[in-house]
Amino acid sequence: MNNRWAIPEHQSGPIKNIEAKQIHELMHNTGIDLWITPASAGPAPHGYDQTGCGGMTTAWSYAGLPCITIPAGLSHSRLPLGLQCVGTFNNDELLLPWAAEITKHFAADLKPSPTRK
């Protein structure tokens, strides 16, 4: 039987930090397959000088969980907003179709506004 929350020793080694272990146990004990969180504290910055703060992704990366950021709309100033989908350990292949499906629900909000001539 395939346990989707099992962490194969040969692929990952033991979880070495208590925070990561607690996240894995919480997901396993409550049956959480997917977290959906903000990708950032606000919209992307204007221009190309910077990409914004990645602080919202740190905990998931530290825990070794697969993450993907998807477009989720535009701010009042028409700058992109994102959501982060976080899957269970070693189940990256399950995360991709979920993210694709969730992205479909935001597609209408992501259409560019007509440009003025």
Protein backbone atom coordinates (compact mmCIF):
# COMPACT_ATOMS: atom_id res chain seq x y z
CA MET A 1 0.00 0.00 0.00
CA ASN A 2 1.33 3.43 -0.98
CA ASN A 3 1.21 5.86 1.94
CA ARG A 4 1.20 9.33 0.39
CA TRP A 5 2.62 10.83 3.58
CA ALA A 6 5.42 8.34 4.05
CA ILE A 7 8.91 9.76 3.78
CA PRO A 8 11.11 7.10 2.17
CA GLU A 9 14.40 6.94 4.07
CA HIS A 10 16.40 6.19 0.92
CA GLN A 11 15.09 9.32 -0.85
CA SER A 12 15.18 11.91 1.88
CA GLY A 13 16.98 10.75 4.96
CA PRO A 14 15.35 11.51 8.30
CA ILE A 15 13.65 14.85 8.83
CA LYS A 16 16.27 16.74 10.74
CA ASN A 17 14.38 19.77 12.04
CA ILE A 18 11.45 19.79 14.43
CA GLU A 19 9.41 22.33 12.43
CA ALA A 20 9.49 20.19 9.29
CA LYS A 21 8.57 17.10 11.31
CA GLN A 22 5.61 18.92 12.86
CA ILE A 23 4.32 20.08 9.46
CA HIS A 24 4.56 16.55 8.06
CA GLU A 25 2.79 15.09 11.11
CA LEU A 26 0.03 17.72 10.96
CA MET A 27 -0.62 16.99 7.29
CA HIS A 28 -0.63 13.25 7.91
CA ASN A 29 -2.80 13.32 11.05
CA THR A 30 -5.43 15.65 9.60
CA GLY A 31 -5.45 14.33 6.03
CA ILE A 32 -4.26 17.58 4.46
CA ASP A 33 -3.21 17.00 0.86
CA LEU A 34 -2.78 20.61 -0.19
CA TRP A 35 -2.14 23.97 1.48
CA ILE A 36 -3.10 27.13 -0.38
CA THR A 37 -1.38 30.25 0.90
CA PRO A 38 -0.47 33.71 -0.37
CA ALA A 39 2.71 33.64 -2.42
CA SER A 40 3.74 37.05 -1.13
CA ALA A 41 2.57 39.72 1.29
CA GLY A 42 1.34 41.85 -1.60
CA PRO A 43 1.45 42.31 -5.35
CA ALA A 44 4.60 41.97 -7.38
CA PRO A 45 6.67 45.15 -7.49
CA HIS A 46 6.40 47.42 -10.51
CA GLY A 47 9.17 47.05 -13.07
CA TYR A 48 11.97 44.55 -13.40
CA ASP A 49 14.42 45.76 -10.75
CA GLN A 50 13.24 43.24 -8.17
CA THR A 51 10.93 40.25 -7.90
CA GLY A 52 9.46 40.94 -4.48
CA CYS A 53 9.84 39.26 -1.12
CA GLY A 54 9.98 35.48 -1.07
CA GLY A 55 9.39 35.21 2.68
CA MET A 56 6.09 33.35 2.32
CA THR A 57 7.85 30.43 0.64
CA THR A 58 10.58 29.86 3.21
CA ALA A 59 8.70 27.60 5.64
CA TRP A 60 7.57 25.20 2.92
CA SER A 61 11.03 24.99 1.37
CA TYR A 62 12.56 24.43 4.79
CA ALA A 63 10.10 21.60 5.40
CA GLY A 64 10.98 19.98 2.07
CA LEU A 65 7.45 20.20 0.69
CA PRO A 66 6.79 20.69 -3.02
CA CYS A 67 5.47 24.18 -3.85
CA ILE A 68 4.26 25.96 -6.92
CA THR A 69 3.17 29.56 -7.29
CA ILE A 70 0.22 30.29 -9.56
CA PRO A 71 -1.21 33.56 -10.85
CA ALA A 72 -4.30 34.52 -8.89
CA GLY A 73 -5.36 37.92 -10.09
CA LEU A 74 -4.32 41.52 -10.28
CA SER A 75 -4.10 44.18 -7.61
CA HIS A 76 -5.98 47.49 -7.86
CA SER A 77 -2.91 48.88 -9.61
CA ARG A 78 -2.99 45.95 -12.06
CA LEU A 79 0.12 44.26 -10.64
CA PRO A 80 0.11 40.45 -10.39
CA LEU A 81 -0.93 38.59 -7.26
CA GLY A 82 -0.07 34.95 -6.65
CA LEU A 83 -1.12 31.97 -4.60
CA GLN A 84 1.15 29.21 -3.46
CA CYS A 85 0.03 25.60 -3.57
CA VAL A 86 1.95 23.29 -1.24
CA GLY A 87 1.69 19.52 -1.52
CA THR A 88 2.69 16.60 0.64
CA PHE A 89 6.27 15.42 0.86
CA ASN A 90 7.56 13.57 -2.18
CA ASN A 91 4.27 13.97 -4.06
CA ASP A 92 5.23 16.63 -6.57
CA GLU A 93 3.33 14.81 -9.30
CA LEU A 94 0.03 15.30 -7.41
CA LEU A 95 0.67 19.00 -6.93
CA LEU A 96 0.91 19.88 -10.63
CA PRO A 97 -2.63 18.87 -11.69
CA TRP A 98 -4.13 20.53 -8.59
CA ALA A 99 -2.31 23.77 -9.39
CA ALA A 100 -3.45 23.60 -13.03
CA GLU A 101 -7.08 23.12 -11.95
CA ILE A 102 -6.95 25.94 -9.40
CA THR A 103 -5.37 28.25 -12.00
CA LYS A 104 -8.40 27.75 -14.27
CA HIS A 105 -10.60 29.44 -11.66
CA PHE A 106 -8.54 32.62 -11.86
CA ALA A 107 -8.17 32.74 -15.66
CA ALA A 108 -10.85 35.40 -16.26
CA ASP A 109 -9.28 37.72 -13.68
CA LEU A 110 -5.91 37.53 -15.41
CA LYS A 111 -6.92 38.86 -18.81
CA PRO A 112 -5.13 42.12 -19.57
CA SER A 113 -7.22 45.24 -19.68
CA PRO A 114 -7.71 46.77 -23.13
CA THR A 115 -5.02 49.24 -24.05
CA ARG A 116 -5.90 52.77 -24.98
CA LYS A 117 -5.00 54.09 -28.40
